[in-house]
Amino acid sequence: MFAGFLFFKMISAGIVGITGFAGLELVKILSFHKDTVLNYIASRSDVGKKLSDIYPQFKGLIDITVEDIDIERIKNLDVLFLALPHTVSMDIAKQVYGNVKIIDLSADFRLSNADTYKTWYKKEHLAQDILKEAVYGLCEINRKQIKMSTLTANPGCYATSVILAAAPILKYIDTKNIIADSKSGVSGAGRGVKEGLQYCEVNENFKAYSVCNHRHTPEIEEFLSKISNTDVQLIFSPHLIPMQRGILSTVYVQPKNPIDKEYLFDLYEKFYLNSPFVRISKGLPSTNNVKGSNFCDIGFEVDSRSGRVVIVSVIDNLIKGASGQAVQNMNIMFNLNETEGLMPYPYYP
């Protein structure tokens, strides 16, 4: 059904999972995307209600009704976004694969090996027959593969920030000596009520969590190993900071030979020359530079004493780290302008 797709026809889009932050961002972006019509939103809760009744900020803007999850209904769409928890998406994906293009925002298709998935997510993979067909959806590096994909695995938010920071310099460094230190706003943990995420525990607090065992670790290592054609190992330390959205990742690498900052700037500028959402900075970026946008800003310093390179990247975890990148993937998959629907200015303050 995809080969004969007429590109003057509006793309019929659907979202399963609209009660989380990522799902809501998808609704906003797709509702004002000039080449798509959002025909279907589904959830296991709030079925039959208008979205604007659940979220009053959409009143008069987006009044679409929440439907139940209907496999036959989904099969009549052109593209399906799965904004569901990890281990849940794969069951729906395997039922509709081949009938609709799928962009999965969970981790269910990010790892190519089912055994690795089971190790990190503590569940048997239920769609191993299509797992091998999934394309890792990091647009700036996997653009050609994404264009041909019918099942795209949207990268994790931390993974996006770390991979984009490290990818250009991989062939110049010791790939078994990488440290990634990342800080995320609280929205990265989702909308669900969870222990440790209440206001009194998060406000005026700053903590590390899942150090050395965060689930994005194998995702980062697998993709960096693929693009560098060598074994990549890293120490990944995520942190929770008391702000609503944004990720700042500081990546420490050891070059094989001395390297200066001007050379690095040219290296990164050339690497991301055709990537409209990656901006290379002469200074070190902050999360306010990208809040509310699909941009990833990257800057770096060279430590003359140790020879190490320190790379800093920032993204909005809900946009470039989730829904914005998902729509960027859709644009590539349907041969649209990659920036369509994704060029609002970052908001500040």
C-alpha atoms as a PDB file:
ATOM      1  CA  MET A   1       0.000   0.000   0.000  1.00  0.00           C
ATOM      2  CA  PHE A   2       2.949   2.347   0.532  1.00  0.00           C
ATOM      3  CA  ALA A   3       4.529   2.289  -2.944  1.00  0.00           C
ATOM      4  CA  GLY A   4       1.561   3.958  -4.590  1.00  0.00           C
ATOM      5  CA  PHE A   5       1.008   6.562  -1.879  1.00  0.00           C
ATOM      6  CA  LEU A   6      -0.055   9.891  -3.388  1.00  0.00           C
ATOM      7  CA  PHE A   7       1.753  12.687  -1.598  1.00  0.00           C
ATOM      8  CA  PHE A   8      -0.861  15.345  -2.343  1.00  0.00           C
ATOM      9  CA  LYS A   9      -3.219  13.244  -0.208  1.00  0.00           C
ATOM     10  CA  MET A  10      -3.313  14.179   3.452  1.00  0.00           C
ATOM     11  CA  ILE A  11      -1.627  11.596   5.654  1.00  0.00           C
ATOM     12  CA  SER A  12      -4.120   9.886   7.937  1.00  0.00           C
ATOM     13  CA  ALA A  13      -2.478   9.698  11.360  1.00  0.00           C
ATOM     14  CA  GLY A  14      -3.414   8.001  14.597  1.00  0.00           C
ATOM     15  CA  ILE A  15      -2.038   7.904  18.125  1.00  0.00           C
ATOM     16  CA  VAL A  16      -2.478   5.138  20.657  1.00  0.00           C
ATOM     17  CA  GLY A  17      -1.642   6.441  24.111  1.00  0.00           C
ATOM     18  CA  ILE A  18      -2.615  10.090  24.549  1.00  0.00           C
ATOM     19  CA  THR A  19      -2.703  10.441  28.323  1.00  0.00           C
ATOM     20  CA  GLY A  20       1.069  10.781  28.771  1.00  0.00           C
ATOM     21  CA  PHE A  21       3.208  13.823  28.073  1.00  0.00           C
ATOM     22  CA  ALA A  22       4.585  12.384  24.827  1.00  0.00           C
ATOM     23  CA  GLY A  23       1.111  11.555  23.539  1.00  0.00           C
ATOM     24  CA  LEU A  24      -0.131  15.055  24.283  1.00  0.00           C
ATOM     25  CA  GLU A  25       2.825  16.634  22.490  1.00  0.00           C
ATOM     26  CA  LEU A  26       2.089  14.410  19.483  1.00  0.00           C
ATOM     27  CA  VAL A  27      -1.524  15.580  19.424  1.00  0.00           C
ATOM     28  CA  LYS A  28      -0.382  19.210  19.413  1.00  0.00           C
ATOM     29  CA  ILE A  29       2.198  18.784  16.666  1.00  0.00           C
ATOM     30  CA  LEU A  30       0.084  16.613  14.359  1.00  0.00           C
ATOM     31  CA  SER A  31      -3.027  18.766  14.725  1.00  0.00           C
ATOM     32  CA  PHE A  32      -1.178  21.678  13.131  1.00  0.00           C
ATOM     33  CA  HIS A  33       0.956  19.719  10.643  1.00  0.00           C
ATOM     34  CA  LYS A  34      -0.077  20.849   7.155  1.00  0.00           C
ATOM     35  CA  ASP A  35       0.330  17.411   5.541  1.00  0.00           C
ATOM     36  CA  THR A  36      -1.495  15.278   8.104  1.00  0.00           C
ATOM     37  CA  VAL A  37      -4.950  14.894   9.508  1.00  0.00           C
ATOM     38  CA  LEU A  38      -5.249  13.403  12.987  1.00  0.00           C
ATOM     39  CA  ASN A  39      -8.107  10.945  12.465  1.00  0.00           C
ATOM     40  CA  TYR A  40      -7.745   8.717  15.496  1.00  0.00           C
ATOM     41  CA  ILE A  41      -6.607   9.012  19.105  1.00  0.00           C
ATOM     42  CA  ALA A  42      -7.009   6.090  21.471  1.00  0.00           C
ATOM     43  CA  SER A  43      -6.454   5.247  25.085  1.00  0.00           C
ATOM     44  CA  ARG A  44      -7.509   2.649  27.619  1.00  0.00           C
ATOM     45  CA  SER A  45      -8.965   5.451  29.735  1.00  0.00           C
ATOM     46  CA  ASP A  46     -11.248   8.424  29.019  1.00  0.00           C
ATOM     47  CA  VAL A  47     -12.816   6.667  26.014  1.00  0.00           C
ATOM     48  CA  GLY A  48     -15.710   8.676  24.587  1.00  0.00           C
ATOM     49  CA  LYS A  49     -14.528  11.989  26.003  1.00  0.00           C
ATOM     50  CA  LYS A  50     -13.342  14.917  23.940  1.00  0.00           C
ATOM     51  CA  LEU A  51      -9.676  15.652  24.411  1.00  0.00           C
ATOM     52  CA  SER A  52     -10.583  19.246  25.305  1.00  0.00           C
ATOM     53  CA  ASP A  53     -12.770  17.972  28.149  1.00  0.00           C
ATOM     54  CA  ILE A  54      -9.803  16.116  29.623  1.00  0.00           C
ATOM     55  CA  TYR A  55      -7.261  18.858  28.914  1.00  0.00           C
ATOM     56  CA  PRO A  56      -8.998  22.273  28.903  1.00  0.00           C
ATOM     57  CA  GLN A  57      -5.994  23.958  27.286  1.00  0.00           C
ATOM     58  CA  PHE A  58      -7.132  22.394  23.975  1.00  0.00           C
ATOM     59  CA  LYS A  59     -10.680  23.828  24.129  1.00  0.00           C
ATOM     60  CA  GLY A  60     -11.586  25.382  20.787  1.00  0.00           C
ATOM     61  CA  LEU A  61      -8.339  24.081  19.273  1.00  0.00           C
ATOM     62  CA  ILE A  62      -8.451  20.293  19.360  1.00  0.00           C
ATOM     63  CA  ASP A  63     -11.831  18.701  20.109  1.00  0.00           C
ATOM     64  CA  ILE A  64     -11.185  15.180  18.771  1.00  0.00           C
ATOM     65  CA  THR A  65     -12.834  12.348  20.725  1.00  0.00           C
ATOM     66  CA  VAL A  66     -10.820   9.638  22.470  1.00  0.00           C
ATOM     67  CA  GLU A  67     -11.614   6.177  21.088  1.00  0.00           C
ATOM     68  CA  ASP A  68     -10.996   2.649  22.281  1.00  0.00           C
ATOM     69  CA  ILE A  69      -8.048   0.698  20.809  1.00  0.00           C
ATOM     70  CA  ASP A  70      -9.443  -0.804  17.592  1.00  0.00           C
ATOM     71  CA  ILE A  71      -7.047  -2.885  15.490  1.00  0.00           C
ATOM     72  CA  GLU A  72      -9.205  -2.778  12.355  1.00  0.00           C
ATOM     73  CA  ARG A  73      -9.562   0.986  12.668  1.00  0.00           C
ATOM     74  CA  ILE A  74      -5.795   1.326  12.978  1.00  0.00           C
ATOM     75  CA  LYS A  75      -5.192  -0.730   9.827  1.00  0.00           C
ATOM     76  CA  ASN A  76      -6.962   1.938   7.772  1.00  0.00           C
ATOM     77  CA  LEU A  77      -4.533   4.677   8.841  1.00  0.00           C
ATOM     78  CA  ASP A  78      -1.397   5.705   6.961  1.00  0.00           C
ATOM     79  CA  VAL A  79       0.754   6.128  10.066  1.00  0.00           C
ATOM     80  CA  LEU A  80       0.370   5.012  13.666  1.00  0.00           C
ATOM     81  CA  PHE A  81       2.231   6.524  16.614  1.00  0.00           C
ATOM     82  CA  LEU A  82       2.481   4.237  19.637  1.00  0.00           C
ATOM     83  CA  ALA A  83       2.961   6.374  22.749  1.00  0.00           C
ATOM     84  CA  LEU A  84       2.585   3.530  25.207  1.00  0.00           C
ATOM     85  CA  PRO A  85       4.690   2.232  28.106  1.00  0.00           C
ATOM     86  CA  HIS A  86       7.593  -0.111  27.431  1.00  0.00           C
ATOM     87  CA  THR A  87       6.544  -3.776  26.930  1.00  0.00           C
ATOM     88  CA  VAL A  88       3.018  -2.722  25.833  1.00  0.00           C
ATOM     89  CA  SER A  89       3.587  -1.377  22.307  1.00  0.00           C
ATOM     90  CA  MET A  90       4.909  -4.573  20.742  1.00  0.00           C
ATOM     91  CA  ASP A  91       1.606  -6.440  21.050  1.00  0.00           C
ATOM     92  CA  ILE A  92      -0.267  -3.801  19.010  1.00  0.00           C
ATOM     93  CA  ALA A  93       2.614  -3.363  16.568  1.00  0.00           C
ATOM     94  CA  LYS A  94       2.676  -7.042  15.610  1.00  0.00           C
ATOM     95  CA  GLN A  95      -1.096  -7.005  14.936  1.00  0.00           C
ATOM     96  CA  VAL A  96      -0.997  -4.057  12.518  1.00  0.00           C
ATOM     97  CA  TYR A  97       2.480  -4.445  10.989  1.00  0.00           C
ATOM     98  CA  GLY A  98       2.297  -4.446   7.190  1.00  0.00           C
ATOM     99  CA  ASN A  99      -0.947  -2.467   7.091  1.00  0.00           C
ATOM    100  CA  VAL A 100       0.222   0.866   8.469  1.00  0.00           C
ATOM    101  CA  LYS A 101       3.550   2.602   8.990  1.00  0.00           C
ATOM    102  CA  ILE A 102       4.452   2.457  12.677  1.00  0.00           C
ATOM    103  CA  ILE A 103       6.489   4.842  14.811  1.00  0.00           C
ATOM    104  CA  ASP A 104       6.942   3.423  18.296  1.00  0.00           C
ATOM    105  CA  LEU A 105       7.948   5.807  21.085  1.00  0.00           C
ATOM    106  CA  SER A 106       8.583   3.020  23.591  1.00  0.00           C
ATOM    107  CA  ALA A 107      11.739   0.925  23.857  1.00  0.00           C
ATOM    108  CA  ASP A 108      10.129  -2.205  22.392  1.00  0.00           C
ATOM    109  CA  PHE A 109      11.961  -2.055  19.048  1.00  0.00           C
ATOM    110  CA  ARG A 110      15.100  -0.063  19.899  1.00  0.00           C
ATOM    111  CA  LEU A 111      17.279  -3.075  20.725  1.00  0.00           C
ATOM    112  CA  SER A 112      17.936  -5.487  17.880  1.00  0.00           C
ATOM    113  CA  ASN A 113      18.464  -8.524  20.108  1.00  0.00           C
ATOM    114  CA  ALA A 114      15.477 -10.067  21.902  1.00  0.00           C
ATOM    115  CA  ASP A 115      17.683 -11.546  24.625  1.00  0.00           C
ATOM    116  CA  THR A 116      19.166  -8.123  25.384  1.00  0.00           C
ATOM    117  CA  TYR A 117      15.649  -6.715  25.554  1.00  0.00           C
ATOM    118  CA  LYS A 118      14.606  -9.416  28.033  1.00  0.00           C
ATOM    119  CA  THR A 119      17.674  -8.749  30.187  1.00  0.00           C
ATOM    120  CA  TRP A 120      17.001  -5.029  30.508  1.00  0.00           C
ATOM    121  CA  TYR A 121      13.184  -4.919  30.402  1.00  0.00           C
ATOM    122  CA  LYS A 122      12.481  -8.174  32.286  1.00  0.00           C
ATOM    123  CA  LYS A 123       9.996  -9.431  29.723  1.00  0.00           C
ATOM    124  CA  GLU A 124      10.069 -11.781  26.748  1.00  0.00           C
ATOM    125  CA  HIS A 125       9.805  -9.905  23.472  1.00  0.00           C
ATOM    126  CA  LEU A 126       6.410 -10.702  21.937  1.00  0.00           C
ATOM    127  CA  ALA A 127       7.131  -9.534  18.388  1.00  0.00           C
ATOM    128  CA  GLN A 128      10.481 -11.097  17.537  1.00  0.00           C
ATOM    129  CA  ASP A 129       9.364 -11.820  13.969  1.00  0.00           C
ATOM    130  CA  ILE A 130       9.192  -8.097  13.190  1.00  0.00           C
ATOM    131  CA  LEU A 131      11.933  -6.919  15.568  1.00  0.00           C
ATOM    132  CA  LYS A 132      14.533  -7.473  12.856  1.00  0.00           C
ATOM    133  CA  GLU A 133      12.565  -5.164  10.527  1.00  0.00           C
ATOM    134  CA  ALA A 134      12.655  -2.202  12.899  1.00  0.00           C
ATOM    135  CA  VAL A 135      14.824   0.797  12.021  1.00  0.00           C
ATOM    136  CA  TYR A 136      16.386   2.877  14.787  1.00  0.00           C
ATOM    137  CA  GLY A 137      14.911   6.327  14.263  1.00  0.00           C
ATOM    138  CA  LEU A 138      17.761   8.704  14.994  1.00  0.00           C
ATOM    139  CA  CYS A 139      17.045  10.977  12.050  1.00  0.00           C
ATOM    140  CA  GLU A 140      20.394  12.745  11.714  1.00  0.00           C
ATOM    141  CA  ILE A 141      22.351   9.506  11.361  1.00  0.00           C
ATOM    142  CA  ASN A 142      19.878   6.901  10.083  1.00  0.00           C
ATOM    143  CA  ARG A 143      17.995   9.046   7.579  1.00  0.00           C
ATOM    144  CA  LYS A 144      18.370   6.702   4.560  1.00  0.00           C
ATOM    145  CA  GLN A 145      17.165   3.651   6.482  1.00  0.00           C
ATOM    146  CA  ILE A 146      14.261   5.575   8.027  1.00  0.00           C
ATOM    147  CA  LYS A 147      13.085   6.684   4.592  1.00  0.00           C
ATOM    148  CA  MET A 148      12.523   3.035   3.611  1.00  0.00           C
ATOM    149  CA  SER A 149      11.154   1.930   6.986  1.00  0.00           C
ATOM    150  CA  THR A 150       7.661   0.739   7.848  1.00  0.00           C
ATOM    151  CA  LEU A 151       8.504   0.230  11.546  1.00  0.00           C
ATOM    152  CA  THR A 152      10.602   2.924  13.189  1.00  0.00           C
ATOM    153  CA  ALA A 153      11.816   2.777  16.773  1.00  0.00           C
ATOM    154  CA  ASN A 154      11.903   6.307  18.151  1.00  0.00           C
ATOM    155  CA  PRO A 155      15.078   6.698  20.256  1.00  0.00           C
ATOM    156  CA  GLY A 156      15.048   7.303  23.977  1.00  0.00           C
ATOM    157  CA  CYS A 157      15.471  10.868  25.222  1.00  0.00           C
ATOM    158  CA  TYR A 158      18.769  10.284  27.033  1.00  0.00           C
ATOM    159  CA  ALA A 159      20.044   8.180  24.143  1.00  0.00           C
ATOM    160  CA  THR A 160      19.287  10.964  21.660  1.00  0.00           C
ATOM    161  CA  SER A 161      21.244  13.523  23.643  1.00  0.00           C
ATOM    162  CA  VAL A 162      24.255  11.255  24.193  1.00  0.00           C
ATOM    163  CA  ILE A 163      24.469   9.723  20.704  1.00  0.00           C
ATOM    164  CA  LEU A 164      24.212  13.069  18.917  1.00  0.00           C
ATOM    165  CA  ALA A 165      26.948  14.425  21.186  1.00  0.00           C
ATOM    166  CA  ALA A 166      29.328  11.498  20.677  1.00  0.00           C
ATOM    167  CA  ALA A 167      28.738  10.329  17.090  1.00  0.00           C
ATOM    168  CA  PRO A 168      30.951  12.806  15.172  1.00  0.00           C
ATOM    169  CA  ILE A 169      34.038  12.170  17.282  1.00  0.00           C
ATOM    170  CA  LEU A 170      33.913   8.370  17.613  1.00  0.00           C
ATOM    171  CA  LYS A 171      36.737   7.528  15.212  1.00  0.00           C
ATOM    172  CA  TYR A 172      39.080   9.889  17.050  1.00  0.00           C
ATOM    173  CA  ILE A 173      38.600   8.536  20.576  1.00  0.00           C
ATOM    174  CA  ASP A 174      39.006   5.510  22.820  1.00  0.00           C
ATOM    175  CA  THR A 175      35.513   4.032  22.415  1.00  0.00           C
ATOM    176  CA  LYS A 176      35.811   1.992  25.626  1.00  0.00           C
ATOM    177  CA  ASN A 177      36.467   5.085  27.711  1.00  0.00           C
ATOM    178  CA  ILE A 178      33.298   7.197  27.442  1.00  0.00           C
ATOM    179  CA  ILE A 179      31.435   8.731  30.364  1.00  0.00           C
ATOM    180  CA  ALA A 180      27.974  10.233  29.878  1.00  0.00           C
ATOM    181  CA  ASP A 181      26.527  12.293  32.710  1.00  0.00           C
ATOM    182  CA  SER A 182      22.928  13.371  32.019  1.00  0.00           C
ATOM    183  CA  LYS A 183      20.384  15.520  33.841  1.00  0.00           C
ATOM    184  CA  SER A 184      16.673  15.413  33.067  1.00  0.00           C
ATOM    185  CA  GLY A 185      13.615  17.357  34.053  1.00  0.00           C
ATOM    186  CA  VAL A 186      10.843  15.527  35.892  1.00  0.00           C
ATOM    187  CA  SER A 187       8.594  15.152  32.826  1.00  0.00           C
ATOM    188  CA  GLY A 188      11.015  12.487  31.611  1.00  0.00           C
ATOM    189  CA  ALA A 189       9.520  10.143  34.185  1.00  0.00           C
ATOM    190  CA  GLY A 190       6.024  10.466  32.689  1.00  0.00           C
ATOM    191  CA  ARG A 191       2.670  11.567  34.120  1.00  0.00           C
ATOM    192  CA  GLY A 192       2.045   8.583  36.363  1.00  0.00           C
ATOM    193  CA  VAL A 193       2.176   8.917  40.127  1.00  0.00           C
ATOM    194  CA  LYS A 194       5.447   7.371  41.222  1.00  0.00           C
ATOM    195  CA  GLU A 195       7.324   7.189  44.484  1.00  0.00           C
ATOM    196  CA  GLY A 196      10.052   9.787  44.618  1.00  0.00           C
ATOM    197  CA  LEU A 197       8.406  12.138  42.109  1.00  0.00           C
ATOM    198  CA  GLN A 198       6.091  14.031  44.434  1.00  0.00           C
ATOM    199  CA  TYR A 199       6.644  17.783  44.639  1.00  0.00           C
ATOM    200  CA  CYS A 200       8.127  17.667  48.137  1.00  0.00           C
ATOM    201  CA  GLU A 201      10.694  15.068  47.089  1.00  0.00           C
ATOM    202  CA  VAL A 202      11.695  16.667  43.794  1.00  0.00           C
ATOM    203  CA  ASN A 203      11.633  20.374  44.618  1.00  0.00           C
ATOM    204  CA  GLU A 204      14.957  21.757  45.891  1.00  0.00           C
ATOM    205  CA  ASN A 205      16.518  18.339  45.356  1.00  0.00           C
ATOM    206  CA  PHE A 206      18.996  16.830  42.898  1.00  0.00           C
ATOM    207  CA  LYS A 207      19.711  13.112  42.705  1.00  0.00           C
ATOM    208  CA  ALA A 208      21.331  10.413  40.627  1.00  0.00           C
ATOM    209  CA  TYR A 209      19.383   7.255  39.817  1.00  0.00           C
ATOM    210  CA  SER A 210      19.847   3.957  37.954  1.00  0.00           C
ATOM    211  CA  VAL A 211      23.592   4.624  37.813  1.00  0.00           C
ATOM    212  CA  CYS A 212      25.357   1.951  35.695  1.00  0.00           C
ATOM    213  CA  ASN A 213      22.071   0.119  35.049  1.00  0.00           C
ATOM    214  CA  HIS A 214      19.789   2.557  33.231  1.00  0.00           C
ATOM    215  CA  ARG A 215      17.872   0.973  30.342  1.00  0.00           C
ATOM    216  CA  HIS A 216      19.158   3.491  27.817  1.00  0.00           C
ATOM    217  CA  THR A 217      22.713   2.161  28.306  1.00  0.00           C
ATOM    218  CA  PRO A 218      22.447  -0.808  25.881  1.00  0.00           C
ATOM    219  CA  GLU A 219      20.580   1.380  23.389  1.00  0.00           C
ATOM    220  CA  ILE A 220      23.377   3.960  23.372  1.00  0.00           C
ATOM    221  CA  GLU A 221      26.132   1.350  23.191  1.00  0.00           C
ATOM    222  CA  GLU A 222      24.457  -0.667  20.420  1.00  0.00           C
ATOM    223  CA  PHE A 223      23.876   2.280  18.108  1.00  0.00           C
ATOM    224  CA  LEU A 224      27.258   3.930  18.690  1.00  0.00           C
ATOM    225  CA  SER A 225      28.909   0.538  18.050  1.00  0.00           C
ATOM    226  CA  LYS A 226      27.033   0.196  14.760  1.00  0.00           C
ATOM    227  CA  ILE A 227      27.953   3.601  13.398  1.00  0.00           C
ATOM    228  CA  SER A 228      31.583   3.365  14.521  1.00  0.00           C
ATOM    229  CA  ASN A 229      31.983  -0.283  13.487  1.00  0.00           C
ATOM    230  CA  THR A 230      33.762  -0.970  16.758  1.00  0.00           C
ATOM    231  CA  ASP A 231      32.817  -1.956  20.296  1.00  0.00           C
ATOM    232  CA  VAL A 232      31.608   1.028  22.342  1.00  0.00           C
ATOM    233  CA  GLN A 233      31.335   0.940  26.118  1.00  0.00           C
ATOM    234  CA  LEU A 234      30.315   3.778  28.378  1.00  0.00           C
ATOM    235  CA  ILE A 235      29.448   4.652  31.928  1.00  0.00           C
ATOM    236  CA  PHE A 236      26.040   6.306  31.928  1.00  0.00           C
ATOM    237  CA  SER A 237      24.852   8.268  34.967  1.00  0.00           C
ATOM    238  CA  PRO A 238      21.388   9.880  34.783  1.00  0.00           C
ATOM    239  CA  HIS A 239      20.162  12.488  37.253  1.00  0.00           C
ATOM    240  CA  LEU A 240      16.809  14.044  38.103  1.00  0.00           C
ATOM    241  CA  ILE A 241      16.685  17.812  38.509  1.00  0.00           C
ATOM    242  CA  PRO A 242      13.770  19.944  39.757  1.00  0.00           C
ATOM    243  CA  MET A 243      12.598  21.432  36.471  1.00  0.00           C
ATOM    244  CA  GLN A 244       9.726  20.432  34.199  1.00  0.00           C
ATOM    245  CA  ARG A 245      11.470  19.604  30.923  1.00  0.00           C
ATOM    246  CA  GLY A 246      14.861  19.417  29.275  1.00  0.00           C
ATOM    247  CA  ILE A 247      17.957  17.216  29.229  1.00  0.00           C
ATOM    248  CA  LEU A 248      21.567  18.282  29.483  1.00  0.00           C
ATOM    249  CA  SER A 249      24.148  15.576  28.786  1.00  0.00           C
ATOM    250  CA  THR A 250      27.848  16.026  29.453  1.00  0.00           C
ATOM    251  CA  VAL A 251      29.922  13.436  27.595  1.00  0.00           C
ATOM    252  CA  TYR A 252      33.603  12.920  28.472  1.00  0.00           C
ATOM    253  CA  VAL A 253      35.853  11.260  25.883  1.00  0.00           C
ATOM    254  CA  GLN A 254      39.583  10.575  25.540  1.00  0.00           C
ATOM    255  CA  PRO A 255      41.036  11.342  22.073  1.00  0.00           C
ATOM    256  CA  LYS A 256      43.721   9.026  20.697  1.00  0.00           C
ATOM    257  CA  ASN A 257      45.737  12.081  19.651  1.00  0.00           C
ATOM    258  CA  PRO A 258      45.634  15.751  20.695  1.00  0.00           C
ATOM    259  CA  ILE A 259      42.733  17.687  19.197  1.00  0.00           C
ATOM    260  CA  ASP A 260      41.854  21.375  19.386  1.00  0.00           C
ATOM    261  CA  LYS A 261      38.539  23.141  19.730  1.00  0.00           C
ATOM    262  CA  GLU A 262      38.526  24.770  16.288  1.00  0.00           C
ATOM    263  CA  TYR A 263      39.056  21.400  14.627  1.00  0.00           C
ATOM    264  CA  LEU A 264      36.209  19.983  16.693  1.00  0.00           C
ATOM    265  CA  PHE A 265      33.889  22.805  15.692  1.00  0.00           C
ATOM    266  CA  ASP A 266      34.578  22.177  11.995  1.00  0.00           C
ATOM    267  CA  LEU A 267      34.211  18.417  12.487  1.00  0.00           C
ATOM    268  CA  TYR A 268      30.780  18.761  14.090  1.00  0.00           C
ATOM    269  CA  GLU A 269      29.584  21.430  11.647  1.00  0.00           C
ATOM    270  CA  LYS A 270      30.411  19.175   8.680  1.00  0.00           C
ATOM    271  CA  PHE A 271      28.940  16.069  10.320  1.00  0.00           C
ATOM    272  CA  TYR A 272      25.596  17.792  10.888  1.00  0.00           C
ATOM    273  CA  LEU A 273      25.681  19.986   7.773  1.00  0.00           C
ATOM    274  CA  ASN A 274      22.373  18.615   6.446  1.00  0.00           C
ATOM    275  CA  SER A 275      20.693  18.243   9.831  1.00  0.00           C
ATOM    276  CA  PRO A 276      18.407  21.247  10.409  1.00  0.00           C
ATOM    277  CA  PHE A 277      17.715  20.412  14.042  1.00  0.00           C
ATOM    278  CA  VAL A 278      21.307  20.118  15.271  1.00  0.00           C
ATOM    279  CA  ARG A 279      23.052  23.396  16.064  1.00  0.00           C
ATOM    280  CA  ILE A 280      26.735  23.574  16.961  1.00  0.00           C
ATOM    281  CA  SER A 281      27.638  26.226  19.485  1.00  0.00           C
ATOM    282  CA  LYS A 282      30.951  27.993  20.094  1.00  0.00           C
ATOM    283  CA  GLY A 283      30.018  28.122  23.752  1.00  0.00           C
ATOM    284  CA  LEU A 284      28.274  25.625  26.025  1.00  0.00           C
ATOM    285  CA  PRO A 285      24.498  25.404  25.502  1.00  0.00           C
ATOM    286  CA  SER A 286      21.790  25.420  28.157  1.00  0.00           C
ATOM    287  CA  THR A 287      18.358  23.812  28.223  1.00  0.00           C
ATOM    288  CA  ASN A 288      16.624  27.177  27.805  1.00  0.00           C
ATOM    289  CA  ASN A 289      18.175  27.346  24.317  1.00  0.00           C
ATOM    290  CA  VAL A 290      15.957  24.485  23.125  1.00  0.00           C
ATOM    291  CA  LYS A 291      12.925  24.349  25.441  1.00  0.00           C
ATOM    292  CA  GLY A 292       9.736  23.719  23.479  1.00  0.00           C
ATOM    293  CA  SER A 293      11.613  22.944  20.255  1.00  0.00           C
ATOM    294  CA  ASN A 294      12.999  20.016  18.260  1.00  0.00           C
ATOM    295  CA  PHE A 295      16.565  21.358  18.346  1.00  0.00           C
ATOM    296  CA  CYS A 296      19.623  19.687  19.808  1.00  0.00           C
ATOM    297  CA  ASP A 297      22.379  22.190  20.637  1.00  0.00           C
ATOM    298  CA  ILE A 298      25.932  20.910  21.089  1.00  0.00           C
ATOM    299  CA  GLY A 299      29.061  22.611  22.423  1.00  0.00           C
ATOM    300  CA  PHE A 300      32.407  21.417  23.757  1.00  0.00           C
ATOM    301  CA  GLU A 301      35.627  22.237  25.566  1.00  0.00           C
ATOM    302  CA  VAL A 302      39.083  20.647  25.403  1.00  0.00           C
ATOM    303  CA  ASP A 303      40.884  20.110  28.688  1.00  0.00           C
ATOM    304  CA  SER A 304      44.506  21.013  27.905  1.00  0.00           C
ATOM    305  CA  ARG A 305      45.731  19.350  31.086  1.00  0.00           C
ATOM    306  CA  SER A 306      44.205  15.884  30.573  1.00  0.00           C
ATOM    307  CA  GLY A 307      43.619  16.036  26.829  1.00  0.00           C
ATOM    308  CA  ARG A 308      40.004  14.998  27.331  1.00  0.00           C
ATOM    309  CA  VAL A 309      37.173  16.480  25.307  1.00  0.00           C
ATOM    310  CA  VAL A 310      34.023  17.490  27.177  1.00  0.00           C
ATOM    311  CA  ILE A 311      30.887  17.617  24.988  1.00  0.00           C
ATOM    312  CA  VAL A 312      27.623  19.176  26.177  1.00  0.00           C
ATOM    313  CA  SER A 313      24.310  18.584  24.408  1.00  0.00           C
ATOM    314  CA  VAL A 314      20.843  19.860  25.300  1.00  0.00           C
ATOM    315  CA  ILE A 315      17.393  18.821  24.099  1.00  0.00           C
ATOM    316  CA  ASP A 316      13.787  19.174  25.154  1.00  0.00           C
ATOM    317  CA  ASN A 317      13.094  15.634  26.340  1.00  0.00           C
ATOM    318  CA  LEU A 318       9.428  15.770  25.238  1.00  0.00           C
ATOM    319  CA  ILE A 319      10.142  17.153  21.753  1.00  0.00           C
ATOM    320  CA  LYS A 320      13.504  16.105  20.301  1.00  0.00           C
ATOM    321  CA  GLY A 321      13.599  13.383  22.960  1.00  0.00           C
ATOM    322  CA  ALA A 322      10.177  11.997  22.042  1.00  0.00           C
ATOM    323  CA  SER A 323       7.285  13.475  20.043  1.00  0.00           C
ATOM    324  CA  GLY A 324       9.147  15.977  17.863  1.00  0.00           C
ATOM    325  CA  GLN A 325      11.612  13.338  16.782  1.00  0.00           C
ATOM    326  CA  ALA A 326       8.701  10.962  16.091  1.00  0.00           C
ATOM    327  CA  VAL A 327       7.138  13.499  13.716  1.00  0.00           C
ATOM    328  CA  GLN A 328      10.565  14.147  12.177  1.00  0.00           C
ATOM    329  CA  ASN A 329      10.704  10.399  11.499  1.00  0.00           C
ATOM    330  CA  MET A 330       7.254  10.519   9.931  1.00  0.00           C
ATOM    331  CA  ASN A 331       8.316  13.384   7.663  1.00  0.00           C
ATOM    332  CA  ILE A 332      11.273  11.332   6.438  1.00  0.00           C
ATOM    333  CA  MET A 333       9.220   8.134   6.013  1.00  0.00           C
ATOM    334  CA  PHE A 334       6.662   9.959   3.846  1.00  0.00           C
ATOM    335  CA  ASN A 335       9.235  11.956   1.884  1.00  0.00           C
ATOM    336  CA  LEU A 336       8.045  15.274   3.327  1.00  0.00           C
ATOM    337  CA  ASN A 337      10.106  18.291   4.307  1.00  0.00           C
ATOM    338  CA  GLU A 338      11.954  17.065   7.391  1.00  0.00           C
ATOM    339  CA  THR A 339      11.152  20.234   9.330  1.00  0.00           C
ATOM    340  CA  GLU A 340       7.415  20.311   8.583  1.00  0.00           C
ATOM    341  CA  GLY A 341       5.402  21.018  11.722  1.00  0.00           C
ATOM    342  CA  LEU A 342       8.549  21.287  13.831  1.00  0.00           C
ATOM    343  CA  MET A 343       9.886  24.816  13.434  1.00  0.00           C
ATOM    344  CA  PRO A 344       8.335  26.834  16.269  1.00  0.00           C
ATOM    345  CA  TYR A 345      10.912  28.976  18.022  1.00  0.00           C
ATOM    346  CA  PRO A 346      12.142  27.753  21.416  1.00  0.00           C
ATOM    347  CA  TYR A 347      10.233  29.588  24.121  1.00  0.00           C
ATOM    348  CA  TYR A 348      11.990  31.717  26.705  1.00  0.00           C
ATOM    349  CA  PRO A 349      11.772  32.272  29.589  1.00  0.00           C
END
